[in-house]
Amino acid sequence: MKGVILAGGTGSRLMPCTKVTNKHLLPVYNKPMIYYPLFTLIDAGIKDIMIISGREHVGDFTNLLGSGADFGVNLTYKVQEGSGGIAEALALAEDFANKEPIVEILGDNIFEENFSQQIKDFENKMKETGGCKLFLKEVGLKAAKRFGIAVIEGSKVIYVEEKPENPKSNLASTGLCIFDSKIFDVIRTLKRSARGELEITDAIDVYVKSGKCYYDILKGFWSDAGTFESLNRASNLAKGREITEESFWSDTDDFSETFKFPSKSDNKQAIIEKLSQITKKQSEVLDYLIKKDNI
């Protein structure tokens, strides 16, 4: 199976950082953002990957990633003219897919889990039934308003909606999906939304109504990185996963040596600030122990 990373868009919510570069090239902890979806596909065993981006930045991706040889994969690139939505971008991969199923991932999505088994299992299932698979994550109802949501029943998705004002579910559709080869025929039937885009949720809804939309619910962390808040959260999640034992405790030791505990000479604001630093460091240590020592 082949993979497609959708890395277009204007990145308007991350201005002015995206004034001179694509948001998917911004750093998330110690790597460019695009590395995370790329390695999600690589770790799932996918060797042929297309990256789709806008004309103004596609050259930056080729300069960074090249042919993919450094990563043990084959990379190809496609230019999306304008910003006509996720479904429009995915449609550019039709020849690349070559009438085979395809894994689509958004370029600003960061996952903890390895999806190799789920992809392999669904690839076998699609030979019999066709269809698509969504990877869902439980979120708060307020957060659900930012994403496409899914309502499930048994093994299937029975309802999807994009950025609902009143979410019917707290299961957010992440930026990772598997589609059978019919997805490109489905996209050709879509009409543009009020935003002037071809919505991927509308394409998924076709599968829902045909009873061929399936799902997995993620257990590990997932974050998009399309806003400053989510970019910071994604960096912290990546740091927790990748930081070494030596560097973590070195930073913690440095904190204990330089931190000044609140004193009566401090004003109220200084006391609040110092206490907040203690609380933050306590949370970091606790999270580290939970992840590293499974306590």
C-alpha atoms as a PDB file:
ATOM      1  CA  MET A   1       0.000   0.000   0.000  1.00  0.00           C
ATOM      2  CA  LYS A   2       1.158   3.545  -0.749  1.00  0.00           C
ATOM      3  CA  GLY A   3       0.919   6.622   1.433  1.00  0.00           C
ATOM      4  CA  VAL A   4       0.103  10.288   0.835  1.00  0.00           C
ATOM      5  CA  ILE A   5       1.071  13.171   3.110  1.00  0.00           C
ATOM      6  CA  LEU A   6      -1.042  16.286   2.594  1.00  0.00           C
ATOM      7  CA  ALA A   7       1.154  19.255   3.448  1.00  0.00           C
ATOM      8  CA  GLY A   8      -0.489  22.195   1.718  1.00  0.00           C
ATOM      9  CA  GLY A   9      -2.499  25.090   3.072  1.00  0.00           C
ATOM     10  CA  THR A  10      -1.534  28.633   4.021  1.00  0.00           C
ATOM     11  CA  GLY A  11      -0.883  28.045   7.736  1.00  0.00           C
ATOM     12  CA  SER A  12      -2.764  31.267   8.521  1.00  0.00           C
ATOM     13  CA  ARG A  13      -3.295  30.299  12.179  1.00  0.00           C
ATOM     14  CA  LEU A  14       0.480  30.161  12.653  1.00  0.00           C
ATOM     15  CA  MET A  15       1.279  33.578  11.186  1.00  0.00           C
ATOM     16  CA  PRO A  16       3.753  35.272  11.222  1.00  0.00           C
ATOM     17  CA  CYS A  17       5.836  32.067  11.523  1.00  0.00           C
ATOM     18  CA  THR A  18       4.395  30.801   8.244  1.00  0.00           C
ATOM     19  CA  LYS A  19       4.961  34.041   6.357  1.00  0.00           C
ATOM     20  CA  VAL A  20       8.184  32.674   4.860  1.00  0.00           C
ATOM     21  CA  THR A  21       7.766  28.907   5.184  1.00  0.00           C
ATOM     22  CA  ASN A  22       5.233  26.107   5.101  1.00  0.00           C
ATOM     23  CA  LYS A  23       3.845  25.228   8.531  1.00  0.00           C
ATOM     24  CA  HIS A  24       4.845  21.591   8.039  1.00  0.00           C
ATOM     25  CA  LEU A  25       8.496  22.677   8.076  1.00  0.00           C
ATOM     26  CA  LEU A  26       8.230  24.352  11.481  1.00  0.00           C
ATOM     27  CA  PRO A  27      10.004  22.532  14.335  1.00  0.00           C
ATOM     28  CA  VAL A  28       8.131  20.195  16.646  1.00  0.00           C
ATOM     29  CA  TYR A  29      10.608  19.689  19.481  1.00  0.00           C
ATOM     30  CA  ASN A  30      13.730  18.453  17.666  1.00  0.00           C
ATOM     31  CA  LYS A  31      12.433  17.668  14.148  1.00  0.00           C
ATOM     32  CA  PRO A  32      10.608  19.437  11.316  1.00  0.00           C
ATOM     33  CA  MET A  33       6.887  18.785  11.599  1.00  0.00           C
ATOM     34  CA  ILE A  34       6.786  16.817   8.337  1.00  0.00           C
ATOM     35  CA  TYR A  35       9.075  14.147   9.852  1.00  0.00           C
ATOM     36  CA  TYR A  36       6.331  12.934  12.186  1.00  0.00           C
ATOM     37  CA  PRO A  37       3.719  11.903   9.589  1.00  0.00           C
ATOM     38  CA  LEU A  38       6.540  10.646   7.378  1.00  0.00           C
ATOM     39  CA  PHE A  39       7.807   8.311  10.084  1.00  0.00           C
ATOM     40  CA  THR A  40       4.244   7.271  10.959  1.00  0.00           C
ATOM     41  CA  LEU A  41       3.982   5.885   7.423  1.00  0.00           C
ATOM     42  CA  ILE A  42       7.515   4.476   7.395  1.00  0.00           C
ATOM     43  CA  ASP A  43       7.000   2.710  10.730  1.00  0.00           C
ATOM     44  CA  ALA A  44       3.796   1.219   9.303  1.00  0.00           C
ATOM     45  CA  GLY A  45       5.858  -0.405   6.555  1.00  0.00           C
ATOM     46  CA  ILE A  46       4.923   1.976   3.733  1.00  0.00           C
ATOM     47  CA  LYS A  47       7.759   2.521   1.265  1.00  0.00           C
ATOM     48  CA  ASP A  48       6.171   4.588  -1.540  1.00  0.00           C
ATOM     49  CA  ILE A  49       5.053   7.998  -0.316  1.00  0.00           C
ATOM     50  CA  MET A  50       3.803  11.110  -2.090  1.00  0.00           C
ATOM     51  CA  ILE A  51       3.980  14.565  -0.489  1.00  0.00           C
ATOM     52  CA  ILE A  52       1.480  17.121  -1.769  1.00  0.00           C
ATOM     53  CA  SER A  53       2.084  20.819  -1.106  1.00  0.00           C
ATOM     54  CA  GLY A  54       1.644  24.242  -2.674  1.00  0.00           C
ATOM     55  CA  ARG A  55       3.792  25.567  -5.480  1.00  0.00           C
ATOM     56  CA  GLU A  56       5.621  28.078  -3.279  1.00  0.00           C
ATOM     57  CA  HIS A  57       6.993  25.484  -0.843  1.00  0.00           C
ATOM     58  CA  VAL A  58       7.260  22.137  -2.613  1.00  0.00           C
ATOM     59  CA  GLY A  59      10.906  22.900  -3.395  1.00  0.00           C
ATOM     60  CA  ASP A  60      11.615  23.266   0.327  1.00  0.00           C
ATOM     61  CA  PHE A  61      10.324  19.742   0.925  1.00  0.00           C
ATOM     62  CA  THR A  62      12.526  18.306  -1.807  1.00  0.00           C
ATOM     63  CA  ASN A  63      15.546  20.133  -0.368  1.00  0.00           C
ATOM     64  CA  LEU A  64      14.825  18.708   3.072  1.00  0.00           C
ATOM     65  CA  LEU A  65      13.796  15.161   2.199  1.00  0.00           C
ATOM     66  CA  GLY A  66      15.211  14.523  -1.247  1.00  0.00           C
ATOM     67  CA  SER A  67      14.332  11.249  -2.941  1.00  0.00           C
ATOM     68  CA  GLY A  68      13.668   9.519   0.378  1.00  0.00           C
ATOM     69  CA  ALA A  69      16.822   7.412   0.102  1.00  0.00           C
ATOM     70  CA  ASP A  70      18.050   8.676   3.484  1.00  0.00           C
ATOM     71  CA  PHE A  71      14.875   7.250   5.026  1.00  0.00           C
ATOM     72  CA  GLY A  72      14.781   3.998   3.054  1.00  0.00           C
ATOM     73  CA  VAL A  73      11.683   4.996   1.073  1.00  0.00           C
ATOM     74  CA  ASN A  74      10.712   6.380  -2.325  1.00  0.00           C
ATOM     75  CA  LEU A  75       9.378   9.930  -2.178  1.00  0.00           C
ATOM     76  CA  THR A  76       7.525  11.718  -4.944  1.00  0.00           C
ATOM     77  CA  TYR A  77       6.035  15.202  -4.902  1.00  0.00           C
ATOM     78  CA  LYS A  78       2.948  16.860  -6.320  1.00  0.00           C
ATOM     79  CA  VAL A  79       1.927  20.507  -6.459  1.00  0.00           C
ATOM     80  CA  GLN A  80      -1.552  21.581  -5.350  1.00  0.00           C
ATOM     81  CA  GLU A  81      -2.546  24.783  -7.106  1.00  0.00           C
ATOM     82  CA  GLY A  82      -4.506  26.928  -4.672  1.00  0.00           C
ATOM     83  CA  SER A  83      -6.178  25.682  -1.503  1.00  0.00           C
ATOM     84  CA  GLY A  84      -9.252  23.732  -2.508  1.00  0.00           C
ATOM     85  CA  GLY A  85      -9.508  21.395   0.447  1.00  0.00           C
ATOM     86  CA  ILE A  86      -8.183  18.053   1.615  1.00  0.00           C
ATOM     87  CA  ALA A  87     -10.254  16.026  -0.847  1.00  0.00           C
ATOM     88  CA  GLU A  88      -9.020  18.113  -3.766  1.00  0.00           C
ATOM     89  CA  ALA A  89      -5.421  17.562  -2.648  1.00  0.00           C
ATOM     90  CA  LEU A  90      -5.946  13.816  -2.232  1.00  0.00           C
ATOM     91  CA  ALA A  91      -7.386  13.619  -5.755  1.00  0.00           C
ATOM     92  CA  LEU A  92      -3.948  14.581  -7.084  1.00  0.00           C
ATOM     93  CA  ALA A  93      -2.644  11.192  -5.935  1.00  0.00           C
ATOM     94  CA  GLU A  94      -4.916   9.146  -8.224  1.00  0.00           C
ATOM     95  CA  ASP A  95      -2.234   8.176 -10.738  1.00  0.00           C
ATOM     96  CA  PHE A  96       0.222   7.545  -7.902  1.00  0.00           C
ATOM     97  CA  ALA A  97      -2.250   5.167  -6.201  1.00  0.00           C
ATOM     98  CA  ASN A  98      -2.578   3.221  -9.451  1.00  0.00           C
ATOM     99  CA  LYS A  99      -6.027   1.806  -8.630  1.00  0.00           C
ATOM    100  CA  GLU A 100      -4.857   0.466  -5.272  1.00  0.00           C
ATOM    101  CA  PRO A 101      -5.883   1.388  -1.691  1.00  0.00           C
ATOM    102  CA  ILE A 102      -4.044   4.320  -0.164  1.00  0.00           C
ATOM    103  CA  VAL A 103      -3.180   5.648   3.298  1.00  0.00           C
ATOM    104  CA  GLU A 104      -3.712   9.397   3.704  1.00  0.00           C
ATOM    105  CA  ILE A 105      -2.225  11.429   6.559  1.00  0.00           C
ATOM    106  CA  LEU A 106      -2.251  15.143   7.257  1.00  0.00           C
ATOM    107  CA  GLY A 107       1.172  16.731   7.483  1.00  0.00           C
ATOM    108  CA  ASP A 108       0.521  18.356  10.859  1.00  0.00           C
ATOM    109  CA  ASN A 109      -0.603  15.209  12.703  1.00  0.00           C
ATOM    110  CA  ILE A 110       1.574  13.542  15.327  1.00  0.00           C
ATOM    111  CA  PHE A 111       0.834  10.040  16.604  1.00  0.00           C
ATOM    112  CA  GLU A 112       2.350   7.826  19.261  1.00  0.00           C
ATOM    113  CA  GLU A 113       1.087   4.488  17.966  1.00  0.00           C
ATOM    114  CA  ASN A 114       2.458   2.160  15.320  1.00  0.00           C
ATOM    115  CA  PHE A 115      -0.232   1.376  12.732  1.00  0.00           C
ATOM    116  CA  SER A 116       1.432  -1.424  10.807  1.00  0.00           C
ATOM    117  CA  GLN A 117      -0.913  -4.152  12.021  1.00  0.00           C
ATOM    118  CA  GLN A 118      -4.104  -2.103  11.628  1.00  0.00           C
ATOM    119  CA  ILE A 119      -3.138  -1.146   8.081  1.00  0.00           C
ATOM    120  CA  LYS A 120      -2.225  -4.696   7.144  1.00  0.00           C
ATOM    121  CA  ASP A 121      -5.454  -6.091   8.619  1.00  0.00           C
ATOM    122  CA  PHE A 122      -7.625  -3.537   6.846  1.00  0.00           C
ATOM    123  CA  GLU A 123      -5.802  -4.018   3.572  1.00  0.00           C
ATOM    124  CA  ASN A 124      -6.818  -7.667   3.716  1.00  0.00           C
ATOM    125  CA  LYS A 125     -10.384  -6.717   4.672  1.00  0.00           C
ATOM    126  CA  MET A 126     -10.693  -4.300   1.753  1.00  0.00           C
ATOM    127  CA  LYS A 127     -10.010  -7.119  -0.698  1.00  0.00           C
ATOM    128  CA  GLU A 128     -13.373  -8.554   0.359  1.00  0.00           C
ATOM    129  CA  THR A 129     -15.482  -5.549   1.332  1.00  0.00           C
ATOM    130  CA  GLY A 130     -13.831  -2.360   0.108  1.00  0.00           C
ATOM    131  CA  GLY A 131     -14.450   0.761   2.154  1.00  0.00           C
ATOM    132  CA  CYS A 132     -12.461   3.153   4.290  1.00  0.00           C
ATOM    133  CA  LYS A 133     -11.128   3.205   7.823  1.00  0.00           C
ATOM    134  CA  LEU A 134     -10.938   6.223  10.136  1.00  0.00           C
ATOM    135  CA  PHE A 135      -8.611   6.495  13.097  1.00  0.00           C
ATOM    136  CA  LEU A 136     -10.542   8.200  15.887  1.00  0.00           C
ATOM    137  CA  LYS A 137      -9.499   9.750  19.190  1.00  0.00           C
ATOM    138  CA  GLU A 138     -11.614  10.690  22.198  1.00  0.00           C
ATOM    139  CA  VAL A 139     -11.471  14.424  22.903  1.00  0.00           C
ATOM    140  CA  GLY A 140     -13.466  16.893  24.970  1.00  0.00           C
ATOM    141  CA  LEU A 141     -16.701  18.160  23.452  1.00  0.00           C
ATOM    142  CA  LYS A 142     -15.268  21.681  23.216  1.00  0.00           C
ATOM    143  CA  ALA A 143     -12.254  20.358  21.297  1.00  0.00           C
ATOM    144  CA  ALA A 144     -14.552  18.288  19.081  1.00  0.00           C
ATOM    145  CA  LYS A 145     -15.827  21.506  17.519  1.00  0.00           C
ATOM    146  CA  ARG A 146     -12.407  21.959  15.877  1.00  0.00           C
ATOM    147  CA  PHE A 147     -12.430  18.586  14.120  1.00  0.00           C
ATOM    148  CA  GLY A 148     -14.553  16.255  12.093  1.00  0.00           C
ATOM    149  CA  ILE A 149     -16.437  13.948  14.473  1.00  0.00           C
ATOM    150  CA  ALA A 150     -17.768  10.412  14.062  1.00  0.00           C
ATOM    151  CA  VAL A 151     -20.642   8.497  15.651  1.00  0.00           C
ATOM    152  CA  ILE A 152     -20.049   4.745  15.809  1.00  0.00           C
ATOM    153  CA  GLU A 153     -22.267   1.689  16.113  1.00  0.00           C
ATOM    154  CA  GLY A 154     -20.745  -1.758  16.333  1.00  0.00           C
ATOM    155  CA  SER A 155     -17.787  -1.957  13.975  1.00  0.00           C
ATOM    156  CA  LYS A 156     -18.917   0.889  11.720  1.00  0.00           C
ATOM    157  CA  VAL A 157     -19.133   4.661  11.588  1.00  0.00           C
ATOM    158  CA  ILE A 158     -22.757   5.704  11.123  1.00  0.00           C
ATOM    159  CA  TYR A 159     -22.424   9.508  11.077  1.00  0.00           C
ATOM    160  CA  VAL A 160     -19.737  12.100  10.381  1.00  0.00           C
ATOM    161  CA  GLU A 161     -19.770  15.874  10.567  1.00  0.00           C
ATOM    162  CA  GLU A 162     -17.103  18.520   9.991  1.00  0.00           C
ATOM    163  CA  LYS A 163     -16.463  21.069  12.776  1.00  0.00           C
ATOM    164  CA  PRO A 164     -19.942  20.732  14.335  1.00  0.00           C
ATOM    165  CA  GLU A 165     -21.358  23.541  16.435  1.00  0.00           C
ATOM    166  CA  ASN A 166     -23.063  20.974  18.668  1.00  0.00           C
ATOM    167  CA  PRO A 167     -21.032  17.745  18.465  1.00  0.00           C
ATOM    168  CA  LYS A 168     -23.005  14.492  18.551  1.00  0.00           C
ATOM    169  CA  SER A 169     -19.865  12.643  19.618  1.00  0.00           C
ATOM    170  CA  ASN A 170     -16.502  13.273  21.263  1.00  0.00           C
ATOM    171  CA  LEU A 171     -14.729  10.960  18.797  1.00  0.00           C
ATOM    172  CA  ALA A 172     -12.580  13.184  16.618  1.00  0.00           C
ATOM    173  CA  SER A 173     -11.477  11.986  13.207  1.00  0.00           C
ATOM    174  CA  THR A 174      -7.713  12.313  13.143  1.00  0.00           C
ATOM    175  CA  GLY A 175      -5.779  13.122  10.007  1.00  0.00           C
ATOM    176  CA  LEU A 176      -5.079   9.445   9.261  1.00  0.00           C
ATOM    177  CA  CYS A 177      -7.402   7.446   6.987  1.00  0.00           C
ATOM    178  CA  ILE A 178      -7.239   4.402   4.719  1.00  0.00           C
ATOM    179  CA  PHE A 179      -9.271   4.478   1.512  1.00  0.00           C
ATOM    180  CA  ASP A 180      -9.964   1.864  -1.115  1.00  0.00           C
ATOM    181  CA  SER A 181      -9.340   2.725  -4.763  1.00  0.00           C
ATOM    182  CA  LYS A 182     -12.877   4.078  -5.186  1.00  0.00           C
ATOM    183  CA  ILE A 183     -12.044   7.219  -3.199  1.00  0.00           C
ATOM    184  CA  PHE A 184     -11.058   9.058  -6.369  1.00  0.00           C
ATOM    185  CA  ASP A 185     -14.410   8.280  -8.025  1.00  0.00           C
ATOM    186  CA  VAL A 186     -16.108   9.506  -4.842  1.00  0.00           C
ATOM    187  CA  ILE A 187     -14.175  12.784  -4.878  1.00  0.00           C
ATOM    188  CA  ARG A 188     -15.298  13.434  -8.463  1.00  0.00           C
ATOM    189  CA  THR A 189     -18.932  13.446  -7.246  1.00  0.00           C
ATOM    190  CA  LEU A 190     -18.372  16.054  -4.534  1.00  0.00           C
ATOM    191  CA  LYS A 191     -19.596  19.624  -4.649  1.00  0.00           C
ATOM    192  CA  ARG A 192     -17.682  22.473  -3.077  1.00  0.00           C
ATOM    193  CA  SER A 193     -18.681  23.530   0.411  1.00  0.00           C
ATOM    194  CA  ALA A 194     -19.514  27.040   1.552  1.00  0.00           C
ATOM    195  CA  ARG A 195     -15.760  27.468   2.095  1.00  0.00           C
ATOM    196  CA  GLY A 196     -15.192  26.751  -1.592  1.00  0.00           C
ATOM    197  CA  GLU A 197     -13.434  23.472  -0.794  1.00  0.00           C
ATOM    198  CA  LEU A 198     -13.916  19.794  -1.508  1.00  0.00           C
ATOM    199  CA  GLU A 199     -14.350  18.434   2.014  1.00  0.00           C
ATOM    200  CA  ILE A 200     -12.879  15.064   2.917  1.00  0.00           C
ATOM    201  CA  THR A 201     -15.730  14.616   5.416  1.00  0.00           C
ATOM    202  CA  ASP A 202     -18.185  14.688   2.492  1.00  0.00           C
ATOM    203  CA  ALA A 203     -16.186  11.933   0.790  1.00  0.00           C
ATOM    204  CA  ILE A 204     -16.147   9.877   3.993  1.00  0.00           C
ATOM    205  CA  ASP A 205     -19.917  10.376   4.307  1.00  0.00           C
ATOM    206  CA  VAL A 206     -20.381   8.512   1.015  1.00  0.00           C
ATOM    207  CA  TYR A 207     -18.679   5.487   2.596  1.00  0.00           C
ATOM    208  CA  VAL A 208     -20.754   5.931   5.764  1.00  0.00           C
ATOM    209  CA  LYS A 209     -24.014   5.860   3.815  1.00  0.00           C
ATOM    210  CA  SER A 210     -22.911   2.751   1.942  1.00  0.00           C
ATOM    211  CA  GLY A 211     -22.162   0.982   5.239  1.00  0.00           C
ATOM    212  CA  LYS A 212     -18.448   0.675   4.455  1.00  0.00           C
ATOM    213  CA  CYS A 213     -16.820   3.100   6.868  1.00  0.00           C
ATOM    214  CA  TYR A 214     -14.907   1.375   9.671  1.00  0.00           C
ATOM    215  CA  TYR A 215     -12.775   2.707  12.512  1.00  0.00           C
ATOM    216  CA  ASP A 216     -10.121   2.186  15.154  1.00  0.00           C
ATOM    217  CA  ILE A 217      -9.961   4.220  18.374  1.00  0.00           C
ATOM    218  CA  LEU A 218      -6.467   5.374  19.294  1.00  0.00           C
ATOM    219  CA  LYS A 219      -5.039   4.601  22.720  1.00  0.00           C
ATOM    220  CA  GLY A 220      -1.811   6.627  22.477  1.00  0.00           C
ATOM    221  CA  PHE A 221      -1.472  10.360  22.181  1.00  0.00           C
ATOM    222  CA  TRP A 222      -2.408  12.284  19.069  1.00  0.00           C
ATOM    223  CA  SER A 223      -2.152  15.955  18.320  1.00  0.00           C
ATOM    224  CA  ASP A 224      -2.421  18.183  15.335  1.00  0.00           C
ATOM    225  CA  ALA A 225      -0.037  21.131  15.234  1.00  0.00           C
ATOM    226  CA  GLY A 226      -2.021  23.711  13.308  1.00  0.00           C
ATOM    227  CA  THR A 227      -2.295  26.369  16.025  1.00  0.00           C
ATOM    228  CA  PHE A 228       0.263  27.813  18.429  1.00  0.00           C
ATOM    229  CA  GLU A 229      -1.414  26.018  21.325  1.00  0.00           C
ATOM    230  CA  SER A 230      -1.486  22.637  19.572  1.00  0.00           C
ATOM    231  CA  LEU A 231       2.040  23.155  18.203  1.00  0.00           C
ATOM    232  CA  ASN A 232       3.296  23.678  21.747  1.00  0.00           C
ATOM    233  CA  ARG A 233       1.363  20.639  22.975  1.00  0.00           C
ATOM    234  CA  ALA A 234       2.730  18.517  20.158  1.00  0.00           C
ATOM    235  CA  SER A 235       6.280  19.635  20.990  1.00  0.00           C
ATOM    236  CA  ASN A 236       5.798  18.679  24.631  1.00  0.00           C
ATOM    237  CA  LEU A 237       4.389  15.280  23.641  1.00  0.00           C
ATOM    238  CA  ALA A 238       7.292  14.676  21.281  1.00  0.00           C
ATOM    239  CA  LYS A 239       9.762  15.743  23.955  1.00  0.00           C
ATOM    240  CA  GLY A 240       8.298  13.258  26.417  1.00  0.00           C
ATOM    241  CA  ARG A 241       8.690  10.478  23.861  1.00  0.00           C
ATOM    242  CA  GLU A 242      12.156  11.316  22.613  1.00  0.00           C
ATOM    243  CA  ILE A 243      14.083  12.878  25.478  1.00  0.00           C
ATOM    244  CA  THR A 244      16.884  10.714  26.831  1.00  0.00           C
ATOM    245  CA  GLU A 245      17.336   9.717  30.460  1.00  0.00           C
ATOM    246  CA  GLU A 246      20.543  11.740  30.682  1.00  0.00           C
ATOM    247  CA  SER A 247      19.154  14.939  29.191  1.00  0.00           C
ATOM    248  CA  PHE A 248      15.937  14.813  31.230  1.00  0.00           C
ATOM    249  CA  TRP A 249      17.680  14.486  34.588  1.00  0.00           C
ATOM    250  CA  SER A 250      20.365  16.967  33.538  1.00  0.00           C
ATOM    251  CA  ASP A 251      17.664  19.576  32.943  1.00  0.00           C
ATOM    252  CA  THR A 252      15.928  18.623  36.196  1.00  0.00           C
ATOM    253  CA  ASP A 253      19.155  18.847  38.195  1.00  0.00           C
ATOM    254  CA  ASP A 254      19.839  22.236  36.640  1.00  0.00           C
ATOM    255  CA  PHE A 255      16.377  23.384  37.688  1.00  0.00           C
ATOM    256  CA  SER A 256      16.945  22.297  41.303  1.00  0.00           C
ATOM    257  CA  GLU A 257      20.290  24.103  41.431  1.00  0.00           C
ATOM    258  CA  THR A 258      19.134  27.410  39.977  1.00  0.00           C
ATOM    259  CA  PHE A 259      15.505  27.633  41.125  1.00  0.00           C
ATOM    260  CA  LYS A 260      14.782  30.109  43.911  1.00  0.00           C
ATOM    261  CA  PHE A 261      11.934  29.148  46.237  1.00  0.00           C
ATOM    262  CA  PRO A 262       9.462  31.964  47.057  1.00  0.00           C
ATOM    263  CA  SER A 263      10.451  34.132  49.992  1.00  0.00           C
ATOM    264  CA  LYS A 264       8.745  36.863  52.022  1.00  0.00           C
ATOM    265  CA  SER A 265      10.698  39.468  50.076  1.00  0.00           C
ATOM    266  CA  ASP A 266       8.943  38.467  46.848  1.00  0.00           C
ATOM    267  CA  ASN A 267       5.884  40.328  45.703  1.00  0.00           C
ATOM    268  CA  LYS A 268       2.660  38.486  44.966  1.00  0.00           C
ATOM    269  CA  GLN A 269       3.356  38.120  41.226  1.00  0.00           C
ATOM    270  CA  ALA A 270       6.832  36.682  41.851  1.00  0.00           C
ATOM    271  CA  ILE A 271       5.466  34.162  44.341  1.00  0.00           C
ATOM    272  CA  ILE A 272       2.763  33.033  41.903  1.00  0.00           C
ATOM    273  CA  GLU A 273       5.313  32.710  39.097  1.00  0.00           C
ATOM    274  CA  LYS A 274       7.732  30.648  41.217  1.00  0.00           C
ATOM    275  CA  LEU A 275       4.981  28.353  42.466  1.00  0.00           C
ATOM    276  CA  SER A 276       3.783  27.818  38.906  1.00  0.00           C
ATOM    277  CA  GLN A 277       7.325  26.806  37.918  1.00  0.00           C
ATOM    278  CA  ILE A 278       7.385  24.250  40.733  1.00  0.00           C
ATOM    279  CA  THR A 279       4.027  22.843  39.631  1.00  0.00           C
ATOM    280  CA  LYS A 280       5.194  22.642  36.018  1.00  0.00           C
ATOM    281  CA  LYS A 281       8.390  20.831  36.963  1.00  0.00           C
ATOM    282  CA  GLN A 282       6.451  18.421  39.220  1.00  0.00           C
ATOM    283  CA  SER A 283       4.156  17.588  36.312  1.00  0.00           C
ATOM    284  CA  GLU A 284       7.113  17.037  33.982  1.00  0.00           C
ATOM    285  CA  VAL A 285       8.779  14.624  36.404  1.00  0.00           C
ATOM    286  CA  LEU A 286       5.538  12.729  37.054  1.00  0.00           C
ATOM    287  CA  ASP A 287       4.766  12.423  33.328  1.00  0.00           C
ATOM    288  CA  TYR A 288       8.321  11.263  32.688  1.00  0.00           C
ATOM    289  CA  LEU A 289       8.119   8.557  35.350  1.00  0.00           C
ATOM    290  CA  ILE A 290       4.752   7.336  34.100  1.00  0.00           C
ATOM    291  CA  LYS A 291       6.007   7.043  30.523  1.00  0.00           C
ATOM    292  CA  LYS A 292       9.459   5.666  31.292  1.00  0.00           C
ATOM    293  CA  ASP A 293       8.795   3.450  34.303  1.00  0.00           C
ATOM    294  CA  ASN A 294       5.108   2.535  33.758  1.00  0.00           C
ATOM    295  CA  ILE A 295       4.122   3.399  37.334  1.00  0.00           C
END
